[in-house]
Amino acid sequence: MTTVDIDAKIPNNVDLAGDRRLQRALESWQPKFIQWWRDLGPVAFKENPVYLRTAIDVGREGWAHFDHVSMPDYRWGIFLAEPDADRKVAFGDHKGDHVWQEVPGEHRADLQRLIVVQGDTEPASVEQQRDLCLTAPSLYDLRNLFQVNVEEGRHLWAMVYLLHRYFGRQGRDEADEMLERHSGDPDHPRILGAFNEPTPDWLSFFLFTYFTDRDGKFQLASLRESAFDPLSRTCDFMLKEEAHHMFVGATGVARVVQRSVELMKAHDTDDIRPYGGIDIATLQKYLNFHYSVSLDLFGAETSTNAANYFAAGLKGRFQEEKRDDDHILRDLYRFVPEVTDDGIGTREVTQLAALNETLRDDYTVDCQKGLDRWNRLLADVDLELTLPHGGFHRAVGTFAGRAVSPDGRLLADDEWAASVDEWLPTDGDREHVESLMVGVDQPGQMAGWVAPPASGIHQQPVDYDYVKVT
């Protein structure tokens, strides 16, 4: 069992006190992080007490503490899941070997890159969402936004610890650079495209936390399989916190759908804009955008890098050990999409080469589960939401630059131009959604475009004072 030093300047269960050089390095990085938070974290409520969950342990029970805390005083810490002394590598060329506790020299650059890319997404989402606190539909939602934000900050700490502990001077430099890149900055943008897109309204936030944070779930789950055990244990605990982020998205969209159905029934029309609602056609357009942008995060259909990471034991598949194959994949094949001027087809490649596409397929299946739940709410009004075709609105891989309709037809450029306003949010759609974004700051009150949640947080009532605004 690891020991949690909860009272340390940096709460941790990695024995920072036993490595004074590392401790000093991280304590010198801490003020830079706090300054970044003050500069680019939430624009308001910086000192207000918020009912937040703080990690205090890594066990199954009692791992988190709930209380009102000012966000700059939040106890960001470093937590790795409990080690398994018998853990073996489950895939690739090192399958069956003992996992690594230190970084093998030949894999140093690749592991560092994987950690940096993952770490860069964490502060990026905080930056993308920093203005949303001004227009929260309820104090319940405002608290959930802040919970997501502080946990993304803790996930940054998780990756920064690995960089400092295992990658020396280069790792420390990379940790600093993660505070120097900023979402949407024309000169120093975040590494991945989806994390440079603005999140200007709460509908976008709910869809971001459903789709883009779900990509994070699959990336973290793949890194959890890593033969580099500290990375695996770090991601294992991060996934425990990440589940709440996806819950915010799944229930947030469900509450939008529920309220839209209520307004459609009350006014006997699908056009509920005049009544302060978000019509399902607009919701579908926003869904199309966020899903397609998130698909690009998985990369091209075939990838030499992904194949090399797998073979080396650096990054596995989602739920690797539950898969019924040889976990080597060199002689196993599958089909991946391919677009030519003749249309959309497939080509056969090794499963090793197609790891990105396999992870994207798993992600799509998981995304559909949410749509199935939302569509049960829509059944009474004979409408449904759908995931667009995997080639729609793509900027990475075989579909990049191709005009593909949501139902999977390859279009000429003029056909795309004639119909794109039916498939992606227009300026008018965004103006309407923006017009609904008026902050609600009284306990128990709710904006008119979203239904109340079914229950409160941590056994508190929905009308609890989740953020003390006065």
Protein backbone atom coordinates (compact mmCIF):
# COMPACT_ATOMS: atom_id res chain seq x y z
CA MET A 1 0.00 0.00 0.00
CA THR A 2 1.21 3.49 -0.80
CA THR A 3 1.12 6.16 1.92
CA VAL A 4 -0.70 9.41 1.23
CA ASP A 5 0.97 12.54 2.59
CA ILE A 6 -2.15 14.68 2.54
CA ASP A 7 -0.68 17.51 4.62
CA ALA A 8 2.35 18.13 2.41
CA LYS A 9 2.65 21.35 0.41
CA ILE A 10 1.94 19.13 -2.60
CA PRO A 11 -0.32 16.26 -1.39
CA ASN A 12 1.01 13.00 -2.80
CA ASN A 13 1.43 9.27 -2.44
CA VAL A 14 4.78 9.09 -4.27
CA ASP A 15 7.02 9.89 -1.27
CA LEU A 16 8.06 13.34 -2.45
CA ALA A 17 9.59 13.96 0.97
CA GLY A 18 12.04 11.14 0.27
CA ASP A 19 13.41 12.88 -2.84
CA ARG A 20 14.23 16.42 -1.79
CA ARG A 21 15.60 17.43 -5.20
CA LEU A 22 12.38 16.40 -6.92
CA GLN A 23 10.32 17.98 -4.17
CA ARG A 24 12.14 21.31 -4.56
CA ALA A 25 11.74 21.20 -8.34
CA LEU A 26 7.99 20.61 -8.13
CA GLU A 27 7.56 23.21 -5.39
CA SER A 28 9.32 25.72 -7.64
CA TRP A 29 6.90 24.81 -10.48
CA GLN A 30 3.89 25.19 -8.19
CA PRO A 31 3.84 29.04 -8.17
CA LYS A 32 4.02 29.06 -11.98
CA PHE A 33 0.98 26.81 -12.05
CA ILE A 34 -0.94 28.99 -9.59
CA GLN A 35 -0.10 32.08 -11.64
CA TRP A 36 -1.30 30.32 -14.80
CA TRP A 37 -4.52 29.40 -12.97
CA ARG A 38 -5.08 33.00 -11.88
CA ASP A 39 -4.31 34.34 -15.37
CA LEU A 40 -6.06 31.76 -17.56
CA GLY A 41 -8.36 29.81 -15.25
CA PRO A 42 -11.99 30.84 -14.64
CA VAL A 43 -12.49 34.56 -15.16
CA ALA A 44 -14.78 35.00 -12.17
CA PHE A 45 -15.55 33.45 -8.77
CA LYS A 46 -11.81 33.18 -8.20
CA GLU A 47 -12.12 33.42 -4.42
CA ASN A 48 -15.66 32.16 -3.87
CA PRO A 49 -16.12 28.98 -1.84
CA VAL A 50 -17.10 26.11 -4.16
CA TYR A 51 -18.37 22.69 -3.06
CA LEU A 52 -15.52 20.66 -4.56
CA ARG A 53 -14.33 17.08 -4.49
CA THR A 54 -10.66 16.80 -3.54
CA ALA A 55 -8.65 13.60 -3.95
CA ILE A 56 -7.22 12.40 -0.64
CA ASP A 57 -6.50 8.72 -1.34
CA VAL A 58 -6.46 6.17 -4.15
CA GLY A 59 -8.51 3.34 -2.63
CA ARG A 60 -11.93 2.26 -3.79
CA GLU A 61 -13.73 3.83 -0.84
CA GLY A 62 -13.31 7.24 0.74
CA TRP A 63 -10.83 8.46 -1.85
CA ALA A 64 -12.31 11.95 -2.04
CA HIS A 65 -13.36 14.68 0.37
CA PHE A 66 -16.20 17.15 -0.33
CA ASP A 67 -16.29 20.65 1.12
CA HIS A 68 -16.44 24.31 0.17
CA VAL A 69 -13.03 25.60 -0.87
CA SER A 70 -11.71 28.60 -2.77
CA MET A 71 -10.24 27.35 -6.05
CA PRO A 72 -6.76 28.90 -5.67
CA ASP A 73 -6.60 27.02 -2.34
CA TYR A 74 -7.59 23.70 -3.92
CA ARG A 75 -5.24 20.89 -2.90
CA TRP A 76 -3.91 19.79 -6.27
CA GLY A 77 -1.91 16.66 -5.62
CA ILE A 78 0.02 13.78 -7.19
CA PHE A 79 -1.68 10.40 -6.93
CA LEU A 80 -0.81 7.07 -8.53
CA ALA A 81 -3.00 3.99 -8.22
CA GLU A 82 -1.76 1.17 -6.01
CA PRO A 83 1.09 -0.85 -7.57
CA ASP A 84 0.70 -4.50 -8.57
CA ALA A 85 3.96 -6.29 -7.80
CA ASP A 86 3.11 -9.12 -10.21
CA ARG A 87 2.04 -6.96 -13.14
CA LYS A 88 3.37 -8.09 -16.54
CA VAL A 89 3.37 -6.44 -19.94
CA ALA A 90 0.17 -7.56 -21.67
CA PHE A 91 0.98 -6.83 -25.32
CA GLY A 92 3.65 -6.16 -27.94
CA ASP A 93 7.17 -7.47 -28.24
CA HIS A 94 7.67 -7.39 -24.44
CA LYS A 95 4.51 -9.35 -23.67
CA GLY A 96 5.00 -11.39 -20.50
CA ASP A 97 7.95 -9.38 -19.21
CA HIS A 98 7.82 -7.55 -15.91
CA VAL A 99 6.66 -3.95 -16.29
CA TRP A 100 9.24 -1.16 -16.05
CA GLN A 101 9.69 1.12 -13.06
CA GLU A 102 12.17 3.34 -14.91
CA VAL A 103 12.22 4.65 -18.47
CA PRO A 104 14.17 2.41 -20.88
CA GLY A 105 16.65 4.58 -22.75
CA GLU A 106 15.50 3.41 -26.16
CA HIS A 107 11.92 4.51 -25.42
CA ARG A 108 12.68 7.75 -23.64
CA ALA A 109 11.76 10.14 -26.47
CA ASP A 110 8.52 8.33 -27.34
CA LEU A 111 7.32 8.11 -23.75
CA GLN A 112 8.10 11.75 -23.18
CA ARG A 113 6.13 12.71 -26.27
CA LEU A 114 3.10 10.65 -25.20
CA ILE A 115 3.12 12.27 -21.76
CA VAL A 116 3.52 15.79 -23.14
CA VAL A 117 0.66 15.42 -25.63
CA GLN A 118 -1.65 14.04 -22.95
CA GLY A 119 -0.55 16.66 -20.43
CA ASP A 120 -1.07 19.52 -22.90
CA THR A 121 -4.78 18.74 -23.21
CA GLU A 122 -5.44 19.26 -19.50
CA PRO A 123 -4.73 23.01 -19.12
CA ALA A 124 -6.06 23.56 -22.64
CA SER A 125 -9.61 22.63 -21.66
CA VAL A 126 -9.47 24.95 -18.63
CA GLU A 127 -8.46 27.80 -20.95
CA GLN A 128 -11.22 26.93 -23.42
CA GLN A 129 -13.86 27.01 -20.68
CA ARG A 130 -12.68 30.01 -18.66
CA ASP A 131 -15.54 32.37 -19.61
CA LEU A 132 -18.36 29.88 -19.03
CA CYS A 133 -18.65 30.73 -15.35
CA LEU A 134 -20.32 34.00 -16.34
CA THR A 135 -23.30 32.23 -17.95
CA ALA A 136 -23.85 29.08 -15.88
CA PRO A 137 -27.49 27.87 -16.05
CA SER A 138 -27.48 27.09 -12.30
CA LEU A 139 -25.18 26.96 -9.29
CA TYR A 140 -25.23 23.16 -9.68
CA ASP A 141 -23.78 23.56 -13.17
CA LEU A 142 -21.33 26.23 -12.09
CA ARG A 143 -19.96 23.89 -9.45
CA ASN A 144 -19.65 21.06 -11.99
CA LEU A 145 -17.73 23.34 -14.34
CA PHE A 146 -15.31 24.23 -11.57
CA GLN A 147 -14.97 20.58 -10.56
CA VAL A 148 -14.00 19.68 -14.11
CA ASN A 149 -11.57 22.60 -14.20
CA VAL A 150 -9.73 21.79 -10.97
CA GLU A 151 -9.47 18.12 -11.93
CA GLU A 152 -8.04 18.99 -15.31
CA GLY A 153 -5.50 21.00 -13.33
CA ARG A 154 -4.75 17.97 -11.19
CA HIS A 155 -4.31 15.86 -14.30
CA LEU A 156 -1.74 18.37 -15.50
CA TRP A 157 0.06 17.87 -12.18
CA ALA A 158 0.00 14.11 -12.80
CA MET A 159 1.82 14.47 -16.11
CA VAL A 160 4.18 17.14 -14.79
CA TYR A 161 5.25 14.82 -11.97
CA LEU A 162 6.19 12.14 -14.50
CA LEU A 163 8.15 14.64 -16.59
CA HIS A 164 10.05 15.95 -13.56
CA ARG A 165 10.65 12.56 -11.98
CA TYR A 166 11.70 10.54 -15.02
CA PHE A 167 12.86 12.88 -17.79
CA GLY A 168 15.39 15.24 -16.21
CA ARG A 169 16.07 18.67 -17.68
CA GLN A 170 14.07 18.00 -20.84
CA GLY A 171 11.09 16.95 -18.75
CA ARG A 172 11.27 20.10 -16.64
CA ASP A 173 11.44 22.24 -19.77
CA GLU A 174 8.41 20.44 -21.21
CA ALA A 175 6.49 21.04 -17.98
CA ASP A 176 7.21 24.75 -18.24
CA GLU A 177 6.15 24.84 -21.88
CA MET A 178 2.75 23.38 -21.01
CA LEU A 179 2.06 26.65 -19.19
CA GLU A 180 3.44 28.72 -22.06
CA ARG A 181 1.21 27.28 -24.80
CA HIS A 182 -2.36 28.56 -24.71
CA SER A 183 -5.57 27.39 -26.35
CA GLY A 184 -6.16 29.26 -29.60
CA ASP A 185 -2.95 31.31 -29.33
CA PRO A 186 -1.84 32.02 -32.93
CA ASP A 187 1.83 31.87 -31.98
CA HIS A 188 1.84 29.22 -29.23
CA PRO A 189 -1.27 27.06 -29.66
CA ARG A 190 -2.05 23.80 -27.90
CA ILE A 191 -0.70 20.69 -29.62
CA LEU A 192 -4.02 19.10 -30.70
CA GLY A 193 -6.49 20.96 -32.88
CA ALA A 194 -9.64 20.26 -30.86
CA PHE A 195 -8.05 21.99 -27.89
CA ASN A 196 -7.69 25.24 -29.80
CA GLU A 197 -11.41 25.44 -30.58
CA PRO A 198 -13.39 27.87 -28.39
CA THR A 199 -16.02 26.62 -25.96
CA PRO A 200 -18.23 29.71 -26.06
CA ASP A 201 -21.47 28.43 -24.54
CA TRP A 202 -22.86 25.73 -22.26
CA LEU A 203 -24.28 23.59 -25.04
CA SER A 204 -20.74 23.39 -26.42
CA PHE A 205 -19.44 22.62 -22.94
CA PHE A 206 -21.84 19.72 -22.43
CA LEU A 207 -20.94 18.28 -25.83
CA PHE A 208 -17.22 18.86 -25.24
CA THR A 209 -17.34 16.98 -21.95
CA TYR A 210 -19.33 14.20 -23.57
CA PHE A 211 -17.30 13.76 -26.77
CA THR A 212 -13.85 15.27 -26.23
CA ASP A 213 -13.44 14.14 -22.63
CA ARG A 214 -14.53 10.70 -23.83
CA ASP A 215 -11.57 10.75 -26.20
CA GLY A 216 -9.53 11.45 -23.07
CA LYS A 217 -11.02 8.37 -21.46
CA PHE A 218 -9.90 6.17 -24.35
CA GLN A 219 -6.45 7.72 -24.57
CA LEU A 220 -5.92 7.34 -20.81
CA ALA A 221 -7.22 3.78 -20.89
CA SER A 222 -4.71 2.96 -23.63
CA LEU A 223 -1.87 4.54 -21.65
CA ARG A 224 -3.02 2.65 -18.56
CA GLU A 225 -1.91 -0.51 -20.38
CA SER A 226 1.64 0.85 -20.72
CA ALA A 227 4.62 -1.24 -19.68
CA PHE A 228 5.97 1.91 -18.02
CA ASP A 229 4.27 1.28 -14.71
CA PRO A 230 4.30 4.84 -13.25
CA LEU A 231 2.45 6.06 -16.34
CA SER A 232 0.00 3.18 -16.10
CA ARG A 233 -0.74 3.84 -12.44
CA THR A 234 -1.06 7.58 -13.05
CA CYS A 235 -3.64 7.07 -15.80
CA ASP A 236 -5.50 4.50 -13.74
CA PHE A 237 -6.25 7.09 -11.07
CA MET A 238 -6.94 9.85 -13.61
CA LEU A 239 -9.70 7.70 -15.11
CA LYS A 240 -11.48 7.68 -11.76
CA GLU A 241 -11.75 11.47 -11.91
CA GLU A 242 -12.40 11.58 -15.67
CA ALA A 243 -15.66 9.65 -15.21
CA HIS A 244 -17.24 12.71 -13.60
CA HIS A 245 -16.36 14.89 -16.60
CA MET A 246 -18.22 12.57 -18.97
CA PHE A 247 -21.13 12.39 -16.50
CA VAL A 248 -21.40 16.19 -16.70
CA GLY A 249 -21.62 15.96 -20.49
CA ALA A 250 -24.01 13.00 -20.66
CA THR A 251 -26.44 14.38 -18.10
CA GLY A 252 -26.07 17.94 -19.38
CA VAL A 253 -27.14 17.00 -22.90
CA ALA A 254 -29.93 14.81 -21.47
CA ARG A 255 -31.24 17.81 -19.52
CA VAL A 256 -31.19 19.95 -22.68
CA VAL A 257 -33.11 17.24 -24.54
CA GLN A 258 -35.61 16.85 -21.69
CA ARG A 259 -36.32 20.56 -21.58
CA SER A 260 -36.64 20.76 -25.36
CA VAL A 261 -39.18 17.92 -25.32
CA GLU A 262 -41.13 19.70 -22.58
CA LEU A 263 -41.27 22.89 -24.65
CA MET A 264 -42.24 21.01 -27.83
CA LYS A 265 -45.14 19.35 -26.02
CA ALA A 266 -46.24 22.54 -24.31
CA HIS A 267 -46.31 24.55 -27.55
CA ASP A 268 -47.04 21.74 -30.05
CA THR A 269 -44.13 22.65 -32.32
CA ASP A 270 -40.56 21.60 -33.12
CA ASP A 271 -39.60 25.27 -33.40
CA ILE A 272 -39.07 26.12 -29.75
CA ARG A 273 -36.67 29.01 -30.27
CA PRO A 274 -39.38 31.61 -29.64
CA TYR A 275 -39.98 29.92 -26.27
CA GLY A 276 -36.39 30.04 -25.12
CA GLY A 277 -35.41 26.49 -26.02
CA ILE A 278 -32.75 24.74 -28.08
CA ASP A 279 -34.42 22.95 -30.97
CA ILE A 280 -33.29 19.41 -31.76
CA ALA A 281 -32.08 20.37 -35.25
CA THR A 282 -29.64 22.85 -33.69
CA LEU A 283 -28.55 20.31 -31.08
CA GLN A 284 -27.85 17.85 -33.91
CA LYS A 285 -25.61 20.39 -35.66
CA TYR A 286 -23.62 21.02 -32.49
CA LEU A 287 -23.35 17.26 -31.96
CA ASN A 288 -22.08 16.80 -35.52
CA PHE A 289 -19.36 19.38 -34.93
CA HIS A 290 -18.08 18.12 -31.58
CA TYR A 291 -18.16 14.46 -32.56
CA SER A 292 -16.29 15.02 -35.84
CA VAL A 293 -13.64 17.23 -34.23
CA SER A 294 -13.14 14.60 -31.52
CA LEU A 295 -12.72 11.82 -34.10
CA ASP A 296 -9.68 13.65 -35.45
CA LEU A 297 -7.97 13.33 -32.05
CA PHE A 298 -7.40 9.62 -32.72
CA GLY A 299 -5.18 10.35 -35.72
CA ALA A 300 -4.99 8.78 -39.17
CA GLU A 301 -6.48 5.35 -39.91
CA THR A 302 -3.03 3.79 -40.07
CA SER A 303 -0.05 4.94 -38.07
CA THR A 304 3.54 3.79 -37.90
CA ASN A 305 3.95 5.63 -34.61
CA ALA A 306 0.97 3.89 -33.03
CA ALA A 307 2.25 0.53 -34.27
CA ASN A 308 5.70 1.21 -32.85
CA TYR A 309 4.23 2.33 -29.50
CA PHE A 310 2.24 -0.89 -29.28
CA ALA A 311 5.10 -3.16 -30.29
CA ALA A 312 7.36 -1.46 -27.75
CA GLY A 313 4.77 -1.81 -24.96
CA LEU A 314 4.25 1.94 -24.53
CA LYS A 315 0.54 2.22 -25.35
CA GLY A 316 -1.98 -0.60 -25.65
CA ARG A 317 -5.57 -0.86 -26.77
CA PHE A 318 -8.70 -0.08 -24.81
CA GLN A 319 -9.23 -2.96 -22.35
CA GLU A 320 -6.25 -4.80 -23.83
CA GLU A 321 -6.35 -7.82 -21.56
CA LYS A 322 -10.01 -8.55 -22.31
CA ARG A 323 -9.31 -8.97 -26.03
CA ASP A 324 -9.27 -12.47 -27.46
CA ASP A 325 -6.27 -12.38 -29.78
CA ASP A 326 -2.49 -12.80 -29.64
CA HIS A 327 -1.86 -9.19 -28.42
CA ILE A 328 0.97 -8.98 -30.99
CA LEU A 329 -1.16 -8.17 -34.09
CA ARG A 330 1.54 -8.46 -36.75
CA ASP A 331 -0.26 -11.29 -38.55
CA LEU A 332 -3.83 -10.21 -37.87
CA TYR A 333 -5.72 -8.04 -40.36
CA ARG A 334 -8.70 -5.71 -40.54
CA PHE A 335 -10.24 -3.24 -42.98
CA VAL A 336 -9.96 0.53 -42.60
CA PRO A 337 -11.78 3.26 -44.57
CA GLU A 338 -10.20 4.66 -47.70
CA VAL A 339 -11.42 7.51 -49.87
CA THR A 340 -10.55 7.82 -53.55
CA ASP A 341 -12.08 9.85 -56.35
CA ASP A 342 -14.26 6.80 -57.01
CA GLY A 343 -15.86 6.96 -53.60
CA ILE A 344 -15.58 5.66 -50.06
CA GLY A 345 -14.22 2.16 -49.76
CA THR A 346 -11.89 0.11 -47.57
CA ARG A 347 -8.45 -1.42 -47.65
CA GLU A 348 -7.00 -4.28 -45.66
CA VAL A 349 -4.08 -3.63 -43.30
CA THR A 350 -2.55 -5.29 -40.29
CA GLN A 351 -4.29 -4.67 -36.99
CA LEU A 352 -0.94 -3.38 -35.76
CA ALA A 353 -1.01 -0.61 -38.36
CA ALA A 354 -4.70 0.14 -37.68
CA LEU A 355 -4.55 0.75 -33.93
CA ASN A 356 -5.84 4.33 -34.24
CA GLU A 357 -8.87 3.15 -36.19
CA THR A 358 -9.55 0.36 -33.71
CA LEU A 359 -9.53 2.84 -30.83
CA ARG A 360 -11.78 5.19 -32.83
CA ASP A 361 -14.22 2.31 -33.43
CA ASP A 362 -14.33 1.55 -29.70
CA TYR A 363 -14.94 5.23 -29.00
CA THR A 364 -17.82 5.40 -31.47
CA VAL A 365 -19.55 2.44 -29.85
CA ASP A 366 -19.22 4.16 -26.47
CA CYS A 367 -20.54 7.46 -27.84
CA GLN A 368 -23.62 5.76 -29.26
CA LYS A 369 -24.69 4.63 -25.78
CA GLY A 370 -25.33 8.23 -24.81
CA LEU A 371 -27.35 8.88 -27.95
CA ASP A 372 -29.47 5.82 -27.19
CA ARG A 373 -30.33 7.31 -23.79
CA TRP A 374 -31.07 10.75 -25.23
CA ASN A 375 -33.23 9.22 -27.96
CA ARG A 376 -35.40 7.50 -25.39
CA LEU A 377 -36.30 10.99 -24.17
CA LEU A 378 -37.07 12.03 -27.76
CA ALA A 379 -39.28 9.05 -28.55
CA ASP A 380 -42.45 10.89 -27.47
CA VAL A 381 -41.89 13.58 -30.08
CA ASP A 382 -40.79 11.17 -32.83
CA LEU A 383 -37.30 12.64 -33.23
CA GLU A 384 -33.83 11.23 -32.76
CA LEU A 385 -30.20 12.27 -32.66
CA THR A 386 -27.62 10.42 -34.75
CA LEU A 387 -23.86 10.23 -34.97
CA PRO A 388 -22.69 11.49 -38.36
CA HIS A 389 -20.64 9.25 -40.62
CA GLY A 390 -17.00 8.91 -39.57
CA GLY A 391 -15.89 10.82 -42.68
CA PHE A 392 -18.03 13.87 -42.03
CA HIS A 393 -16.18 17.17 -41.37
CA ARG A 394 -12.81 15.51 -40.88
CA ALA A 395 -9.39 17.18 -41.00
CA VAL A 396 -7.19 14.14 -40.30
CA GLY A 397 -6.69 10.89 -42.20
CA THR A 398 -8.17 9.62 -45.42
CA PHE A 399 -11.25 11.86 -45.12
CA ALA A 400 -9.27 15.08 -44.64
CA GLY A 401 -10.35 17.68 -47.18
CA ARG A 402 -13.13 15.46 -48.51
CA ALA A 403 -16.74 16.58 -48.56
CA VAL A 404 -18.74 13.80 -46.90
CA SER A 405 -22.37 14.13 -45.84
CA PRO A 406 -23.53 13.01 -42.38
CA ASP A 407 -25.09 9.93 -43.98
CA GLY A 408 -21.83 8.97 -45.67
CA ARG A 409 -22.11 10.23 -49.23
CA LEU A 410 -19.05 11.65 -50.99
CA LEU A 411 -20.07 15.04 -52.32
CA ALA A 412 -18.83 17.56 -54.83
CA ASP A 413 -17.69 20.83 -53.33
CA ASP A 414 -20.77 22.69 -54.56
CA GLU A 415 -23.07 20.05 -53.03
CA TRP A 416 -21.30 20.46 -49.70
CA ALA A 417 -21.56 24.26 -49.87
CA ALA A 418 -25.28 24.04 -50.63
CA SER A 419 -26.04 21.85 -47.60
CA VAL A 420 -23.42 22.54 -44.94
CA ASP A 421 -25.67 24.98 -43.09
CA GLU A 422 -28.07 22.08 -42.47
CA TRP A 423 -25.28 20.03 -40.85
CA LEU A 424 -23.03 22.38 -38.89
CA PRO A 425 -23.89 25.35 -36.66
CA THR A 426 -24.42 28.60 -38.54
CA ASP A 427 -23.81 32.08 -37.21
CA GLY A 428 -27.55 32.30 -36.60
CA ASP A 429 -27.56 29.06 -34.62
CA ARG A 430 -24.70 30.26 -32.45
CA GLU A 431 -26.37 33.64 -31.94
CA HIS A 432 -29.53 31.91 -30.73
CA VAL A 433 -27.67 29.63 -28.33
CA GLU A 434 -25.61 32.58 -27.12
CA SER A 435 -28.79 34.56 -26.46
CA LEU A 436 -29.89 31.90 -23.96
CA MET A 437 -26.66 32.05 -22.01
CA VAL A 438 -27.67 34.17 -19.04
CA GLY A 439 -26.12 33.27 -15.72
CA VAL A 440 -28.33 32.01 -12.88
CA ASP A 441 -26.82 32.48 -9.44
CA GLN A 442 -29.60 31.63 -6.96
CA PRO A 443 -29.72 28.17 -5.33
CA GLY A 444 -32.31 25.90 -6.92
CA GLN A 445 -33.06 28.19 -9.86
CA MET A 446 -32.46 26.93 -13.41
CA ALA A 447 -32.14 28.57 -16.82
CA GLY A 448 -35.16 28.01 -19.04
CA TRP A 449 -33.33 26.05 -21.75
CA VAL A 450 -32.22 23.17 -19.53
CA ALA A 451 -34.09 20.87 -17.14
CA PRO A 452 -33.04 20.46 -13.51
CA PRO A 453 -30.80 17.50 -12.69
CA ALA A 454 -32.39 14.38 -11.24
CA SER A 455 -30.37 14.69 -8.04
CA GLY A 456 -27.77 16.86 -6.38
CA ILE A 457 -24.07 16.27 -5.73
CA HIS A 458 -22.78 13.98 -3.01
CA GLN A 459 -26.23 13.52 -1.47
CA GLN A 460 -26.86 17.26 -1.32
CA PRO A 461 -30.18 18.63 -2.65
CA VAL A 462 -30.38 20.27 -6.07
CA ASP A 463 -31.03 23.64 -4.41
CA TYR A 464 -27.90 23.42 -2.25
CA ASP A 465 -25.59 26.44 -2.14
CA TYR A 466 -22.93 24.79 -4.33
CA VAL A 467 -21.11 28.06 -4.99
CA LYS A 468 -21.30 30.81 -2.40
CA VAL A 469 -21.75 33.82 -4.65
CA THR A 470 -22.12 36.44 -1.89
